[in-house]
């Protein structure tokens, strides 16, 4: 049975707060976009068995808002500081350790690591013609299908099902 990997970049953050990068919160637009992504996941039936998120403030807020929309209990979220500023190899090591019974995983984090991960897993499927040169702008979700177990993640092992941007979702 195939697995689904949902890779979500945190929603738009507020650069004018005067706090360090790790503690930067969501901006008004981010607070609006994150639940919209969660509502879309719910409508699509993409409720994850496991949610892993960066523990940076903007990722935490994004994850909490998405999880509220999909009725995923906050206490079940795995907060991982190692996702913050992680490159694709580090994210791969993390995902390869996921339990085999998890069929759908939501990973919430940051660029450029997430974009690099999507390109590594589904390079033949990735279309760079998004109009703005970004594969995963803020609050954008990549939905990938994986044929084998998490421990077998490798280059080109995934099929990219969709890239979903909040601006393309109905209000």
C-alpha atoms as a PDB file:
ATOM      1  CA  UNK A   1       0.000   0.000   0.000  1.00  0.00           C
ATOM      2  CA  UNK A   2       1.478   3.372  -0.986  1.00  0.00           C
ATOM      3  CA  UNK A   3       2.329   6.032   1.538  1.00  0.00           C
ATOM      4  CA  UNK A   4       1.667   9.745   1.300  1.00  0.00           C
ATOM      5  CA  UNK A   5       4.125  12.423   2.317  1.00  0.00           C
ATOM      6  CA  UNK A   6       2.751  15.925   2.790  1.00  0.00           C
ATOM      7  CA  UNK A   7       5.485  18.560   2.866  1.00  0.00           C
ATOM      8  CA  UNK A   8       4.315  21.961   4.073  1.00  0.00           C
ATOM      9  CA  UNK A   9       6.361  25.117   4.262  1.00  0.00           C
ATOM     10  CA  UNK A  10       5.373  27.310   7.210  1.00  0.00           C
ATOM     11  CA  UNK A  11       2.948  30.146   6.511  1.00  0.00           C
ATOM     12  CA  UNK A  12       3.981  33.788   6.004  1.00  0.00           C
ATOM     13  CA  UNK A  13       5.912  35.160   8.971  1.00  0.00           C
ATOM     14  CA  UNK A  14       6.104  38.651  10.411  1.00  0.00           C
ATOM     15  CA  UNK A  15       9.519  40.223   9.826  1.00  0.00           C
ATOM     16  CA  UNK A  16       8.721  43.389  11.808  1.00  0.00           C
ATOM     17  CA  UNK A  17       8.581  41.932  15.307  1.00  0.00           C
ATOM     18  CA  UNK A  18      12.184  42.563  16.313  1.00  0.00           C
ATOM     19  CA  UNK A  19      12.696  38.983  17.486  1.00  0.00           C
ATOM     20  CA  UNK A  20      15.264  36.461  16.250  1.00  0.00           C
ATOM     21  CA  UNK A  21      14.557  34.141  13.343  1.00  0.00           C
ATOM     22  CA  UNK A  22      13.625  31.112  15.484  1.00  0.00           C
ATOM     23  CA  UNK A  23      11.027  33.133  17.445  1.00  0.00           C
ATOM     24  CA  UNK A  24       9.498  34.964  14.473  1.00  0.00           C
ATOM     25  CA  UNK A  25       5.664  34.573  14.545  1.00  0.00           C
ATOM     26  CA  UNK A  26       3.145  34.369  11.737  1.00  0.00           C
ATOM     27  CA  UNK A  27       2.014  37.487   9.936  1.00  0.00           C
ATOM     28  CA  UNK A  28      -1.675  38.281   9.439  1.00  0.00           C
ATOM     29  CA  UNK A  29      -1.639  36.555   6.035  1.00  0.00           C
ATOM     30  CA  UNK A  30       0.028  33.483   7.557  1.00  0.00           C
ATOM     31  CA  UNK A  31      -2.652  33.250  10.234  1.00  0.00           C
ATOM     32  CA  UNK A  32      -5.254  33.224   7.454  1.00  0.00           C
ATOM     33  CA  UNK A  33      -3.457  30.835   5.082  1.00  0.00           C
ATOM     34  CA  UNK A  34      -2.548  28.046   7.527  1.00  0.00           C
ATOM     35  CA  UNK A  35      -6.137  27.042   8.421  1.00  0.00           C
ATOM     36  CA  UNK A  36      -7.108  27.203   4.742  1.00  0.00           C
ATOM     37  CA  UNK A  37      -4.445  24.598   3.975  1.00  0.00           C
ATOM     38  CA  UNK A  38      -5.750  22.459   6.843  1.00  0.00           C
ATOM     39  CA  UNK A  39      -9.314  22.734   5.570  1.00  0.00           C
ATOM     40  CA  UNK A  40      -8.141  21.671   2.104  1.00  0.00           C
ATOM     41  CA  UNK A  41      -6.326  18.646   3.577  1.00  0.00           C
ATOM     42  CA  UNK A  42      -9.480  17.672   5.433  1.00  0.00           C
ATOM     43  CA  UNK A  43     -11.655  17.988   2.313  1.00  0.00           C
ATOM     44  CA  UNK A  44      -9.166  15.844   0.361  1.00  0.00           C
ATOM     45  CA  UNK A  45      -9.178  13.165   3.074  1.00  0.00           C
ATOM     46  CA  UNK A  46      -5.485  13.739   3.766  1.00  0.00           C
ATOM     47  CA  UNK A  47      -5.508  13.482   7.533  1.00  0.00           C
ATOM     48  CA  UNK A  48      -2.021  12.364   8.576  1.00  0.00           C
ATOM     49  CA  UNK A  49      -1.171   9.503  10.898  1.00  0.00           C
ATOM     50  CA  UNK A  50       1.906  11.426  12.008  1.00  0.00           C
ATOM     51  CA  UNK A  51       2.711  15.145  12.091  1.00  0.00           C
ATOM     52  CA  UNK A  52       6.324  16.292  12.449  1.00  0.00           C
ATOM     53  CA  UNK A  53       7.070  19.998  12.718  1.00  0.00           C
ATOM     54  CA  UNK A  54       9.936  22.352  13.218  1.00  0.00           C
ATOM     55  CA  UNK A  55       9.753  23.878  16.671  1.00  0.00           C
ATOM     56  CA  UNK A  56      10.426  27.398  15.333  1.00  0.00           C
ATOM     57  CA  UNK A  57       7.561  29.747  16.266  1.00  0.00           C
ATOM     58  CA  UNK A  58       6.197  30.321  12.737  1.00  0.00           C
ATOM     59  CA  UNK A  59       6.230  26.571  12.004  1.00  0.00           C
ATOM     60  CA  UNK A  60       4.580  25.792  15.372  1.00  0.00           C
ATOM     61  CA  UNK A  61       1.795  28.279  14.708  1.00  0.00           C
ATOM     62  CA  UNK A  62       1.305  26.958  11.176  1.00  0.00           C
ATOM     63  CA  UNK A  63       1.179  23.363  12.391  1.00  0.00           C
ATOM     64  CA  UNK A  64      -1.249  24.139  15.210  1.00  0.00           C
ATOM     65  CA  UNK A  65      -3.634  25.946  12.856  1.00  0.00           C
ATOM     66  CA  UNK A  66      -3.470  23.170  10.243  1.00  0.00           C
ATOM     67  CA  UNK A  67      -3.952  20.455  12.866  1.00  0.00           C
ATOM     68  CA  UNK A  68      -6.947  22.239  14.374  1.00  0.00           C
ATOM     69  CA  UNK A  69      -8.586  22.231  10.920  1.00  0.00           C
ATOM     70  CA  UNK A  70      -8.020  18.491  10.462  1.00  0.00           C
ATOM     71  CA  UNK A  71      -8.904  17.580  14.069  1.00  0.00           C
ATOM     72  CA  UNK A  72      -5.411  16.246  14.781  1.00  0.00           C
ATOM     73  CA  UNK A  73      -4.691  16.467  18.497  1.00  0.00           C
ATOM     74  CA  UNK A  74      -1.991  18.991  19.407  1.00  0.00           C
ATOM     75  CA  UNK A  75      -0.411  16.617  21.936  1.00  0.00           C
ATOM     76  CA  UNK A  76       0.307  14.100  19.147  1.00  0.00           C
ATOM     77  CA  UNK A  77       2.441  16.552  17.130  1.00  0.00           C
ATOM     78  CA  UNK A  78       6.146  15.716  17.155  1.00  0.00           C
ATOM     79  CA  UNK A  79       8.037  18.984  17.611  1.00  0.00           C
ATOM     80  CA  UNK A  80      11.572  18.611  16.219  1.00  0.00           C
ATOM     81  CA  UNK A  81      14.138  21.373  16.549  1.00  0.00           C
ATOM     82  CA  UNK A  82      16.246  19.446  14.028  1.00  0.00           C
ATOM     83  CA  UNK A  83      13.746  20.355  11.265  1.00  0.00           C
ATOM     84  CA  UNK A  84      14.617  24.039  11.706  1.00  0.00           C
ATOM     85  CA  UNK A  85      17.212  24.994   9.057  1.00  0.00           C
ATOM     86  CA  UNK A  86      17.543  21.319   8.063  1.00  0.00           C
ATOM     87  CA  UNK A  87      18.896  20.392   4.672  1.00  0.00           C
ATOM     88  CA  UNK A  88      17.413  17.577   2.575  1.00  0.00           C
ATOM     89  CA  UNK A  89      19.796  14.857   3.862  1.00  0.00           C
ATOM     90  CA  UNK A  90      18.877  15.646   7.485  1.00  0.00           C
ATOM     91  CA  UNK A  91      15.161  15.616   6.640  1.00  0.00           C
ATOM     92  CA  UNK A  92      15.604  12.281   4.855  1.00  0.00           C
ATOM     93  CA  UNK A  93      17.284  10.763   7.920  1.00  0.00           C
ATOM     94  CA  UNK A  94      14.379  11.952  10.060  1.00  0.00           C
ATOM     95  CA  UNK A  95      11.735  10.551   7.690  1.00  0.00           C
ATOM     96  CA  UNK A  96      13.531   7.221   7.309  1.00  0.00           C
ATOM     97  CA  UNK A  97      13.097   6.692  11.071  1.00  0.00           C
ATOM     98  CA  UNK A  98       9.315   7.111  10.921  1.00  0.00           C
ATOM     99  CA  UNK A  99       7.204   4.156  12.012  1.00  0.00           C
ATOM    100  CA  UNK A 100       6.203   1.838   9.163  1.00  0.00           C
ATOM    101  CA  UNK A 101       2.553   1.851  10.270  1.00  0.00           C
ATOM    102  CA  UNK A 102       2.293   5.579   9.472  1.00  0.00           C
ATOM    103  CA  UNK A 103       0.708   5.720   6.024  1.00  0.00           C
ATOM    104  CA  UNK A 104       0.427   9.514   5.757  1.00  0.00           C
ATOM    105  CA  UNK A 105       2.971  11.920   7.233  1.00  0.00           C
ATOM    106  CA  UNK A 106       2.805  15.703   7.361  1.00  0.00           C
ATOM    107  CA  UNK A 107       6.201  17.412   7.634  1.00  0.00           C
ATOM    108  CA  UNK A 108       6.137  21.161   8.392  1.00  0.00           C
ATOM    109  CA  UNK A 109       9.346  23.118   8.029  1.00  0.00           C
ATOM    110  CA  UNK A 110      11.419  25.609   6.116  1.00  0.00           C
ATOM    111  CA  UNK A 111      13.097  26.347   2.810  1.00  0.00           C
ATOM    112  CA  UNK A 112      15.459  25.641   1.204  1.00  0.00           C
ATOM    113  CA  UNK A 113      15.488  22.183   2.829  1.00  0.00           C
ATOM    114  CA  UNK A 114      11.886  21.342   1.980  1.00  0.00           C
ATOM    115  CA  UNK A 115      12.208  22.352  -1.683  1.00  0.00           C
ATOM    116  CA  UNK A 116      15.424  20.352  -1.967  1.00  0.00           C
ATOM    117  CA  UNK A 117      13.682  17.350  -0.401  1.00  0.00           C
ATOM    118  CA  UNK A 118      10.789  17.501  -2.881  1.00  0.00           C
ATOM    119  CA  UNK A 119      13.207  17.788  -5.795  1.00  0.00           C
ATOM    120  CA  UNK A 120      15.266  14.846  -4.506  1.00  0.00           C
ATOM    121  CA  UNK A 121      12.287  12.550  -3.953  1.00  0.00           C
ATOM    122  CA  UNK A 122      10.350  13.442  -7.127  1.00  0.00           C
ATOM    123  CA  UNK A 123      12.801  15.162  -9.458  1.00  0.00           C
ATOM    124  CA  UNK A 124      11.178  13.857 -12.648  1.00  0.00           C
ATOM    125  CA  UNK A 125       7.815  15.224 -11.518  1.00  0.00           C
ATOM    126  CA  UNK A 126       8.815  18.697 -10.321  1.00  0.00           C
ATOM    127  CA  UNK A 127       7.778  21.604 -12.514  1.00  0.00           C
ATOM    128  CA  UNK A 128       9.789  24.746 -11.844  1.00  0.00           C
ATOM    129  CA  UNK A 129       7.401  26.843 -13.922  1.00  0.00           C
ATOM    130  CA  UNK A 130       5.391  28.203 -10.985  1.00  0.00           C
ATOM    131  CA  UNK A 131       5.564  31.771 -12.248  1.00  0.00           C
ATOM    132  CA  UNK A 132       7.585  33.191  -9.383  1.00  0.00           C
ATOM    133  CA  UNK A 133      10.565  30.830  -9.375  1.00  0.00           C
ATOM    134  CA  UNK A 134       9.592  29.241  -6.050  1.00  0.00           C
ATOM    135  CA  UNK A 135       8.478  25.659  -5.720  1.00  0.00           C
ATOM    136  CA  UNK A 136       7.249  26.101  -2.129  1.00  0.00           C
ATOM    137  CA  UNK A 137       6.370  29.671  -1.223  1.00  0.00           C
ATOM    138  CA  UNK A 138       4.941  30.127   2.271  1.00  0.00           C
ATOM    139  CA  UNK A 139       2.017  27.867   3.252  1.00  0.00           C
ATOM    140  CA  UNK A 140       2.454  25.749   0.112  1.00  0.00           C
ATOM    141  CA  UNK A 141       1.996  22.002   0.338  1.00  0.00           C
ATOM    142  CA  UNK A 142       3.647  19.307  -1.782  1.00  0.00           C
ATOM    143  CA  UNK A 143       1.708  16.022  -1.833  1.00  0.00           C
ATOM    144  CA  UNK A 144       3.859  13.038  -2.744  1.00  0.00           C
ATOM    145  CA  UNK A 145       3.054   9.354  -3.076  1.00  0.00           C
ATOM    146  CA  UNK A 146       5.734   6.894  -1.989  1.00  0.00           C
ATOM    147  CA  UNK A 147       5.555   3.240  -3.084  1.00  0.00           C
ATOM    148  CA  UNK A 148       7.854   1.735  -0.461  1.00  0.00           C
ATOM    149  CA  UNK A 149       8.431   2.184   3.268  1.00  0.00           C
ATOM    150  CA  UNK A 150       9.878   5.273   4.897  1.00  0.00           C
ATOM    151  CA  UNK A 151      13.182   3.495   5.455  1.00  0.00           C
ATOM    152  CA  UNK A 152      13.544   3.097   1.677  1.00  0.00           C
ATOM    153  CA  UNK A 153      13.305   6.788   0.737  1.00  0.00           C
ATOM    154  CA  UNK A 154      15.697   7.493  -2.132  1.00  0.00           C
ATOM    155  CA  UNK A 155      16.163   9.755  -5.125  1.00  0.00           C
ATOM    156  CA  UNK A 156      13.205   9.688  -7.521  1.00  0.00           C
ATOM    157  CA  UNK A 157      11.200   7.279  -5.341  1.00  0.00           C
ATOM    158  CA  UNK A 158       8.107   9.500  -5.183  1.00  0.00           C
ATOM    159  CA  UNK A 159       5.367  10.668  -7.475  1.00  0.00           C
ATOM    160  CA  UNK A 160       4.342  14.287  -7.055  1.00  0.00           C
ATOM    161  CA  UNK A 161       0.549  14.342  -6.872  1.00  0.00           C
ATOM    162  CA  UNK A 162       0.033  18.071  -6.379  1.00  0.00           C
ATOM    163  CA  UNK A 163       1.512  21.366  -5.278  1.00  0.00           C
ATOM    164  CA  UNK A 164      -1.174  23.350  -3.451  1.00  0.00           C
ATOM    165  CA  UNK A 165      -0.780  27.044  -2.774  1.00  0.00           C
ATOM    166  CA  UNK A 166      -3.113  28.929  -0.428  1.00  0.00           C
ATOM    167  CA  UNK A 167      -3.822  31.599  -3.039  1.00  0.00           C
ATOM    168  CA  UNK A 168      -5.388  28.883  -5.208  1.00  0.00           C
ATOM    169  CA  UNK A 169      -7.774  27.743  -2.475  1.00  0.00           C
ATOM    170  CA  UNK A 170     -11.293  29.118  -2.187  1.00  0.00           C
ATOM    171  CA  UNK A 171     -12.058  31.287   0.819  1.00  0.00           C
END
